[in-house]
Amino acid sequence: MLDAGAQQHRGVVEAVLAKTLTGEFQIEAADAIDRGASVVVTAPTGSGKTVVAEAAIARALESGRRAVYTTPLKALSNQKFG
């Protein structure tokens, strides 16, 4: 039986993997992640980079590993509101 934390992670993984990757770069990045490759995604704000990050995090959690996601919040806020 899974503990509460593991059950929560499984729910997150299933929800993320159910999302549709529609952009070519998203599909290419997700395929690379599935192969175990490291991935760096650079694309304009609002183009769907976060979906790739969520897929990578889901894969890490699914395999019992940890993941850290960072983002340049100041740069994002300056770009949107500056």
PDB file of N, CA and C in Angstrom:
ATOM      1  N   MET A   1       0.844  -1.185   0.000  1.00  0.00           N
ATOM      2  CA  MET A   1       0.000   0.000   0.000  1.00  0.00           C
ATOM      3  C   MET A   1       0.886   1.245   0.000  1.00  0.00           C
ATOM      4  N   LEU A   2       0.514   2.232  -0.809  1.00  0.00           N
ATOM      5  CA  LEU A   2       1.274   3.474  -0.881  1.00  0.00           C
ATOM      6  C   LEU A   2       0.946   4.368   0.301  1.00  0.00           C
ATOM      7  N   ASP A   3       1.980   5.068   0.824  1.00  0.00           N
ATOM      8  CA  ASP A   3       1.705   6.037   1.882  1.00  0.00           C
ATOM      9  C   ASP A   3       1.059   7.276   1.257  1.00  0.00           C
ATOM     10  N   ALA A   4       0.619   8.207   2.094  1.00  0.00           N
ATOM     11  CA  ALA A   4      -0.117   9.381   1.610  1.00  0.00           C
ATOM     12  C   ALA A   4       0.717  10.202   0.638  1.00  0.00           C
ATOM     13  N   GLY A   5       2.012  10.376   0.924  1.00  0.00           N
ATOM     14  CA  GLY A   5       2.881  11.142   0.037  1.00  0.00           C
ATOM     15  C   GLY A   5       3.015  10.487  -1.322  1.00  0.00           C
ATOM     16  N   ALA A   6       3.194   9.170  -1.341  1.00  0.00           N
ATOM     17  CA  ALA A   6       3.325   8.444  -2.601  1.00  0.00           C
ATOM     18  C   ALA A   6       2.024   8.496  -3.387  1.00  0.00           C
ATOM     19  N   GLN A   7       0.890   8.414  -2.709  1.00  0.00           N
ATOM     20  CA  GLN A   7      -0.406   8.498  -3.390  1.00  0.00           C
ATOM     21  C   GLN A   7      -0.580   9.879  -4.021  1.00  0.00           C
ATOM     22  N   GLN A   8      -0.155  10.912  -3.287  1.00  0.00           N
ATOM     23  CA  GLN A   8      -0.251  12.270  -3.811  1.00  0.00           C
ATOM     24  C   GLN A   8       0.631  12.404  -5.049  1.00  0.00           C
ATOM     25  N   HIS A   9       1.854  11.888  -4.994  1.00  0.00           N
ATOM     26  CA  HIS A   9       2.757  11.954  -6.150  1.00  0.00           C
ATOM     27  C   HIS A   9       2.173  11.209  -7.335  1.00  0.00           C
ATOM     28  N   ARG A  10       1.589  10.063  -7.103  1.00  0.00           N
ATOM     29  CA  ARG A  10       0.992   9.292  -8.204  1.00  0.00           C
ATOM     30  C   ARG A  10      -0.113  10.103  -8.869  1.00  0.00           C
ATOM     31  N   GLY A  11      -0.920  10.783  -8.069  1.00  0.00           N
ATOM     32  CA  GLY A  11      -1.981  11.618  -8.638  1.00  0.00           C
ATOM     33  C   GLY A  11      -1.429  12.752  -9.479  1.00  0.00           C
ATOM     34  N   VAL A  12      -0.359  13.358  -9.009  1.00  0.00           N
ATOM     35  CA  VAL A  12       0.281  14.443  -9.755  1.00  0.00           C
ATOM     36  C   VAL A  12       0.837  13.902 -11.068  1.00  0.00           C
ATOM     37  N   VAL A  13       1.522  12.779 -11.004  1.00  0.00           N
ATOM     38  CA  VAL A  13       2.107  12.177 -12.195  1.00  0.00           C
ATOM     39  C   VAL A  13       1.030  11.879 -13.221  1.00  0.00           C
ATOM     40  N   GLU A  14      -0.050  11.255 -12.801  1.00  0.00           N
ATOM     41  CA  GLU A  14      -1.120  10.910 -13.733  1.00  0.00           C
ATOM     42  C   GLU A  14      -1.750  12.151 -14.354  1.00  0.00           C
ATOM     43  N   ALA A  15      -1.930  13.203 -13.559  1.00  0.00           N
ATOM     44  CA  ALA A  15      -2.525  14.437 -14.073  1.00  0.00           C
ATOM     45  C   ALA A  15      -1.612  15.097 -15.101  1.00  0.00           C
ATOM     46  N   VAL A  16      -0.325  15.137 -14.812  1.00  0.00           N
ATOM     47  CA  VAL A  16       0.612  15.774 -15.733  1.00  0.00           C
ATOM     48  C   VAL A  16       0.729  14.985 -17.022  1.00  0.00           C
ATOM     49  N   LEU A  17       0.843  13.681 -16.914  1.00  0.00           N
ATOM     50  CA  LEU A  17       1.005  12.867 -18.108  1.00  0.00           C
ATOM     51  C   LEU A  17      -0.248  12.858 -18.979  1.00  0.00           C
ATOM     52  N   ALA A  18      -1.387  13.232 -18.393  1.00  0.00           N
ATOM     53  CA  ALA A  18      -2.630  13.293 -19.164  1.00  0.00           C
ATOM     54  C   ALA A  18      -2.705  14.559 -20.019  1.00  0.00           C
ATOM     55  N   LYS A  19      -1.852  15.554 -19.720  1.00  0.00           N
ATOM     56  CA  LYS A  19      -1.845  16.788 -20.503  1.00  0.00           C
ATOM     57  C   LYS A  19      -1.349  16.487 -21.914  1.00  0.00           C
ATOM     58  N   THR A  20      -1.847  17.246 -22.849  1.00  0.00           N
ATOM     59  CA  THR A  20      -1.449  17.053 -24.229  1.00  0.00           C
ATOM     60  C   THR A  20      -0.259  17.938 -24.556  1.00  0.00           C
ATOM     61  N   LEU A  21       0.791  17.315 -25.069  1.00  0.00           N
ATOM     62  CA  LEU A  21       1.946  18.057 -25.563  1.00  0.00           C
ATOM     63  C   LEU A  21       1.680  18.345 -27.037  1.00  0.00           C
ATOM     64  N   THR A  22       1.474  19.602 -27.377  1.00  0.00           N
ATOM     65  CA  THR A  22       1.052  19.935 -28.736  1.00  0.00           C
ATOM     66  C   THR A  22       2.167  20.525 -29.588  1.00  0.00           C
ATOM     67  N   GLY A  23       3.105  21.220 -28.963  1.00  0.00           N
ATOM     68  CA  GLY A  23       4.173  21.847 -29.738  1.00  0.00           C
ATOM     69  C   GLY A  23       5.256  20.848 -30.103  1.00  0.00           C
ATOM     70  N   GLU A  24       5.884  21.069 -31.245  1.00  0.00           N
ATOM     71  CA  GLU A  24       6.942  20.165 -31.691  1.00  0.00           C
ATOM     72  C   GLU A  24       8.073  20.111 -30.664  1.00  0.00           C
ATOM     73  N   PHE A  25       8.459  21.276 -30.112  1.00  0.00           N
ATOM     74  CA  PHE A  25       9.539  21.273 -29.126  1.00  0.00           C
ATOM     75  C   PHE A  25       9.133  20.540 -27.851  1.00  0.00           C
ATOM     76  N   GLN A  26       7.844  20.601 -27.491  1.00  0.00           N
ATOM     77  CA  GLN A  26       7.376  19.891 -26.304  1.00  0.00           C
ATOM     78  C   GLN A  26       7.484  18.381 -26.496  1.00  0.00           C
ATOM     79  N   ILE A  27       7.062  17.918 -27.641  1.00  0.00           N
ATOM     80  CA  ILE A  27       7.100  16.484 -27.933  1.00  0.00           C
ATOM     81  C   ILE A  27       8.542  15.998 -27.995  1.00  0.00           C
ATOM     82  N   GLU A  28       9.399  16.761 -28.666  1.00  0.00           N
ATOM     83  CA  GLU A  28      10.817  16.392 -28.770  1.00  0.00           C
ATOM     84  C   GLU A  28      11.475  16.343 -27.395  1.00  0.00           C
ATOM     85  N   ALA A  29      11.177  17.340 -26.557  1.00  0.00           N
ATOM     86  CA  ALA A  29      11.749  17.377 -25.208  1.00  0.00           C
ATOM     87  C   ALA A  29      11.229  16.225 -24.354  1.00  0.00           C
ATOM     88  N   ALA A  30       9.933  15.949 -24.429  1.00  0.00           N
ATOM     89  CA  ALA A  30       9.350  14.857 -23.645  1.00  0.00           C
ATOM     90  C   ALA A  30       9.927  13.508 -24.074  1.00  0.00           C
ATOM     91  N   ASP A  31      10.140  13.334 -25.374  1.00  0.00           N
ATOM     92  CA  ASP A  31      10.759  12.095 -25.856  1.00  0.00           C
ATOM     93  C   ASP A  31      12.173  11.945 -25.306  1.00  0.00           C
ATOM     94  N   ALA A  32      12.920  13.036 -25.299  1.00  0.00           N
ATOM     95  CA  ALA A  32      14.287  13.003 -24.764  1.00  0.00           C
ATOM     96  C   ALA A  32      14.273  12.670 -23.274  1.00  0.00           C
ATOM     97  N   ILE A  33      13.340  13.249 -22.545  1.00  0.00           N
ATOM     98  CA  ILE A  33      13.211  12.967 -21.107  1.00  0.00           C
ATOM     99  C   ILE A  33      12.907  11.495 -20.891  1.00  0.00           C
ATOM    100  N   ASP A  34      12.011  10.955 -21.708  1.00  0.00           N
ATOM    101  CA  ASP A  34      11.664   9.535 -21.593  1.00  0.00           C
ATOM    102  C   ASP A  34      12.862   8.630 -21.870  1.00  0.00           C
ATOM    103  N   ARG A  35      13.797   9.108 -22.704  1.00  0.00           N
ATOM    104  CA  ARG A  35      15.004   8.335 -22.986  1.00  0.00           C
ATOM    105  C   ARG A  35      16.066   8.510 -21.903  1.00  0.00           C
ATOM    106  N   GLY A  36      15.797   9.412 -20.946  1.00  0.00           N
ATOM    107  CA  GLY A  36      16.754   9.649 -19.864  1.00  0.00           C
ATOM    108  C   GLY A  36      17.765  10.732 -20.156  1.00  0.00           C
ATOM    109  N   ALA A  37      17.550  11.492 -21.211  1.00  0.00           N
ATOM    110  CA  ALA A  37      18.469  12.567 -21.577  1.00  0.00           C
ATOM    111  C   ALA A  37      18.185  13.825 -20.763  1.00  0.00           C
ATOM    112  N   SER A  38      19.190  14.656 -20.628  1.00  0.00           N
ATOM    113  CA  SER A  38      19.003  15.976 -20.026  1.00  0.00           C
ATOM    114  C   SER A  38      18.439  16.900 -21.093  1.00  0.00           C
ATOM    115  N   VAL A  39      17.595  17.835 -20.674  1.00  0.00           N
ATOM    116  CA  VAL A  39      16.920  18.712 -21.629  1.00  0.00           C
ATOM    117  C   VAL A  39      16.988  20.148 -21.137  1.00  0.00           C
ATOM    118  N   VAL A  40      17.313  21.061 -22.046  1.00  0.00           N
ATOM    119  CA  VAL A  40      17.229  22.492 -21.783  1.00  0.00           C
ATOM    120  C   VAL A  40      16.289  23.056 -22.834  1.00  0.00           C
ATOM    121  N   VAL A  41      15.253  23.763 -22.384  1.00  0.00           N
ATOM    122  CA  VAL A  41      14.270  24.323 -23.307  1.00  0.00           C
ATOM    123  C   VAL A  41      14.342  25.842 -23.229  1.00  0.00           C
ATOM    124  N   THR A  42      14.535  26.475 -24.362  1.00  0.00           N
ATOM    125  CA  THR A  42      14.462  27.932 -24.436  1.00  0.00           C
ATOM    126  C   THR A  42      13.399  28.275 -25.468  1.00  0.00           C
ATOM    127  N   ALA A  43      12.421  29.036 -25.035  1.00  0.00           N
ATOM    128  CA  ALA A  43      11.313  29.425 -25.911  1.00  0.00           C
ATOM    129  C   ALA A  43      10.670  30.666 -25.295  1.00  0.00           C
ATOM    130  N   PRO A  44       9.920  31.416 -26.079  1.00  0.00           N
ATOM    131  CA  PRO A  44       9.290  32.633 -25.563  1.00  0.00           C
ATOM    132  C   PRO A  44       8.320  32.356 -24.414  1.00  0.00           C
ATOM    133  N   THR A  45       8.120  33.372 -23.600  1.00  0.00           N
ATOM    134  CA  THR A  45       7.150  33.285 -22.514  1.00  0.00           C
ATOM    135  C   THR A  45       5.780  32.924 -23.079  1.00  0.00           C
ATOM    136  N   GLY A  46       5.119  31.982 -22.405  1.00  0.00           N
ATOM    137  CA  GLY A  46       3.775  31.589 -22.813  1.00  0.00           C
ATOM    138  C   GLY A  46       3.727  30.533 -23.897  1.00  0.00           C
ATOM    139  N   SER A  47       4.867  29.966 -24.248  1.00  0.00           N
ATOM    140  CA  SER A  47       4.873  29.004 -25.350  1.00  0.00           C
ATOM    141  C   SER A  47       4.737  27.552 -24.898  1.00  0.00           C
ATOM    142  N   GLY A  48       4.761  27.301 -23.579  1.00  0.00           N
ATOM    143  CA  GLY A  48       4.537  25.946 -23.091  1.00  0.00           C
ATOM    144  C   GLY A  48       5.740  25.243 -22.505  1.00  0.00           C
ATOM    145  N   LYS A  49       6.723  25.995 -22.069  1.00  0.00           N
ATOM    146  CA  LYS A  49       7.898  25.371 -21.445  1.00  0.00           C
ATOM    147  C   LYS A  49       7.530  24.662 -20.149  1.00  0.00           C
ATOM    148  N   THR A  50       6.602  25.190 -19.401  1.00  0.00           N
ATOM    149  CA  THR A  50       6.235  24.612 -18.113  1.00  0.00           C
ATOM    150  C   THR A  50       5.692  23.197 -18.272  1.00  0.00           C
ATOM    151  N   VAL A  51       4.993  22.919 -19.353  1.00  0.00           N
ATOM    152  CA  VAL A  51       4.464  21.573 -19.588  1.00  0.00           C
ATOM    153  C   VAL A  51       5.607  20.574 -19.697  1.00  0.00           C
ATOM    154  N   VAL A  52       6.697  20.983 -20.342  1.00  0.00           N
ATOM    155  CA  VAL A  52       7.866  20.114 -20.453  1.00  0.00           C
ATOM    156  C   VAL A  52       8.450  19.869 -19.063  1.00  0.00           C
ATOM    157  N   ALA A  53       8.556  20.924 -18.265  1.00  0.00           N
ATOM    158  CA  ALA A  53       9.072  20.776 -16.904  1.00  0.00           C
ATOM    159  C   ALA A  53       8.181  19.856 -16.082  1.00  0.00           C
ATOM    160  N   GLU A  54       6.886  20.016 -16.206  1.00  0.00           N
ATOM    161  CA  GLU A  54       5.956  19.152 -15.470  1.00  0.00           C
ATOM    162  C   GLU A  54       6.104  17.694 -15.883  1.00  0.00           C
ATOM    163  N   ALA A  55       6.325  17.458 -17.168  1.00  0.00           N
ATOM    164  CA  ALA A  55       6.522  16.085 -17.642  1.00  0.00           C
ATOM    165  C   ALA A  55       7.800  15.501 -17.058  1.00  0.00           C
ATOM    166  N   ALA A  56       8.853  16.304 -17.011  1.00  0.00           N
ATOM    167  CA  ALA A  56      10.123  15.830 -16.433  1.00  0.00           C
ATOM    168  C   ALA A  56       9.973  15.535 -14.950  1.00  0.00           C
ATOM    169  N   ILE A  57       9.278  16.404 -14.238  1.00  0.00           N
ATOM    170  CA  ILE A  57       9.044  16.195 -12.805  1.00  0.00           C
ATOM    171  C   ILE A  57       8.207  14.944 -12.595  1.00  0.00           C
ATOM    172  N   ALA A  58       7.186  14.765 -13.411  1.00  0.00           N
ATOM    173  CA  ALA A  58       6.327  13.577 -13.287  1.00  0.00           C
ATOM    174  C   ALA A  58       7.134  12.302 -13.487  1.00  0.00           C
ATOM    175  N   ARG A  59       7.997  12.299 -14.478  1.00  0.00           N
ATOM    176  CA  ARG A  59       8.834  11.117 -14.728  1.00  0.00           C
ATOM    177  C   ARG A  59       9.762  10.854 -13.540  1.00  0.00           C
ATOM    178  N   ALA A  60      10.323  11.908 -12.976  1.00  0.00           N
ATOM    179  CA  ALA A  60      11.208  11.734 -11.821  1.00  0.00           C
ATOM    180  C   ALA A  60      10.430  11.135 -10.648  1.00  0.00           C
ATOM    181  N   LEU A  61       9.270  11.684 -10.355  1.00  0.00           N
ATOM    182  CA  LEU A  61       8.463  11.177  -9.242  1.00  0.00           C
ATOM    183  C   LEU A  61       8.013   9.741  -9.502  1.00  0.00           C
ATOM    184  N   GLU A  62       7.673   9.471 -10.747  1.00  0.00           N
ATOM    185  CA  GLU A  62       7.210   8.141 -11.132  1.00  0.00           C
ATOM    186  C   GLU A  62       8.287   7.081 -10.877  1.00  0.00           C
ATOM    187  N   SER A  63       9.535   7.473 -11.053  1.00  0.00           N
ATOM    188  CA  SER A  63      10.639   6.523 -10.865  1.00  0.00           C
ATOM    189  C   SER A  63      11.254   6.601  -9.471  1.00  0.00           C
ATOM    190  N   GLY A  64      10.589   7.331  -8.565  1.00  0.00           N
ATOM    191  CA  GLY A  64      11.055   7.401  -7.186  1.00  0.00           C
ATOM    192  C   GLY A  64      12.180   8.385  -6.957  1.00  0.00           C
ATOM    193  N   ARG A  65      12.454   9.237  -7.936  1.00  0.00           N
ATOM    194  CA  ARG A  65      13.502  10.248  -7.779  1.00  0.00           C
ATOM    195  C   ARG A  65      12.898  11.583  -7.384  1.00  0.00           C
ATOM    196  N   ARG A  66      13.765  12.510  -7.019  1.00  0.00           N
ATOM    197  CA  ARG A  66      13.322  13.860  -6.678  1.00  0.00           C
ATOM    198  C   ARG A  66      13.593  14.798  -7.844  1.00  0.00           C
ATOM    199  N   ALA A  67      12.908  15.920  -7.846  1.00  0.00           N
ATOM    200  CA  ALA A  67      13.102  16.916  -8.896  1.00  0.00           C
ATOM    201  C   ALA A  67      13.056  18.303  -8.285  1.00  0.00           C
ATOM    202  N   VAL A  68      13.801  19.204  -8.880  1.00  0.00           N
ATOM    203  CA  VAL A  68      13.791  20.608  -8.472  1.00  0.00           C
ATOM    204  C   VAL A  68      13.495  21.434  -9.719  1.00  0.00           C
ATOM    205  N   TYR A  69      12.546  22.327  -9.609  1.00  0.00           N
ATOM    206  CA  TYR A  69      12.177  23.193 -10.733  1.00  0.00           C
ATOM    207  C   TYR A  69      12.441  24.627 -10.315  1.00  0.00           C
ATOM    208  N   THR A  70      13.220  25.341 -11.095  1.00  0.00           N
ATOM    209  CA  THR A  70      13.495  26.748 -10.802  1.00  0.00           C
ATOM    210  C   THR A  70      13.093  27.590 -12.003  1.00  0.00           C
ATOM    211  N   THR A  71      12.784  28.835 -11.727  1.00  0.00           N
ATOM    212  CA  THR A  71      12.415  29.751 -12.794  1.00  0.00           C
ATOM    213  C   THR A  71      12.879  31.158 -12.406  1.00  0.00           C
ATOM    214  N   PRO A  72      13.274  31.949 -13.360  1.00  0.00           N
ATOM    215  CA  PRO A  72      13.717  33.318 -13.060  1.00  0.00           C
ATOM    216  C   PRO A  72      12.518  34.248 -12.883  1.00  0.00           C
ATOM    217  N   LEU A  73      11.944  34.266 -11.693  1.00  0.00           N
ATOM    218  CA  LEU A  73      10.712  35.037 -11.462  1.00  0.00           C
ATOM    219  C   LEU A  73      10.875  36.517 -11.757  1.00  0.00           C
ATOM    220  N   LYS A  74      11.983  37.116 -11.383  1.00  0.00           N
ATOM    221  CA  LYS A  74      12.174  38.538 -11.636  1.00  0.00           C
ATOM    222  C   LYS A  74      12.181  38.813 -13.139  1.00  0.00           C
ATOM    223  N   ALA A  75      12.861  37.990 -13.895  1.00  0.00           N
ATOM    224  CA  ALA A  75      12.896  38.168 -15.338  1.00  0.00           C
ATOM    225  C   ALA A  75      11.498  38.034 -15.928  1.00  0.00           C
ATOM    226  N   LEU A  76      10.724  37.073 -15.452  1.00  0.00           N
ATOM    227  CA  LEU A  76       9.358  36.901 -15.958  1.00  0.00           C
ATOM    228  C   LEU A  76       8.482  38.091 -15.617  1.00  0.00           C
ATOM    229  N   SER A  77       8.577  38.585 -14.380  1.00  0.00           N
ATOM    230  CA  SER A  77       7.727  39.717 -14.006  1.00  0.00           C
ATOM    231  C   SER A  77       8.145  40.969 -14.757  1.00  0.00           C
ATOM    232  N   ASN A  78       9.444  41.160 -14.997  1.00  0.00           N
ATOM    233  CA  ASN A  78       9.888  42.327 -15.758  1.00  0.00           C
ATOM    234  C   ASN A  78       9.400  42.247 -17.196  1.00  0.00           C
ATOM    235  N   GLN A  79       9.403  41.038 -17.766  1.00  0.00           N
ATOM    236  CA  GLN A  79       8.979  40.876 -19.147  1.00  0.00           C
ATOM    237  C   GLN A  79       7.477  41.130 -19.296  1.00  0.00           C
ATOM    238  N   LYS A  80       6.688  40.690 -18.333  1.00  0.00           N
ATOM    239  CA  LYS A  80       5.235  40.836 -18.438  1.00  0.00           C
ATOM    240  C   LYS A  80       4.747  42.210 -17.999  1.00  0.00           C
ATOM    241  N   PHE A  81       5.399  42.804 -16.986  1.00  0.00           N
ATOM    242  CA  PHE A  81       4.864  44.011 -16.395  1.00  0.00           C
ATOM    243  C   PHE A  81       5.828  45.209 -16.467  1.00  0.00           C
ATOM    244  N   GLY A  82       6.988  45.014 -17.054  1.00  0.00           N
ATOM    245  CA  GLY A  82       8.025  46.059 -17.042  1.00  0.00           C
ATOM    246  C   GLY A  82       7.890  47.084 -18.104  1.00  0.00           C
TER     247      GLY A  82
END
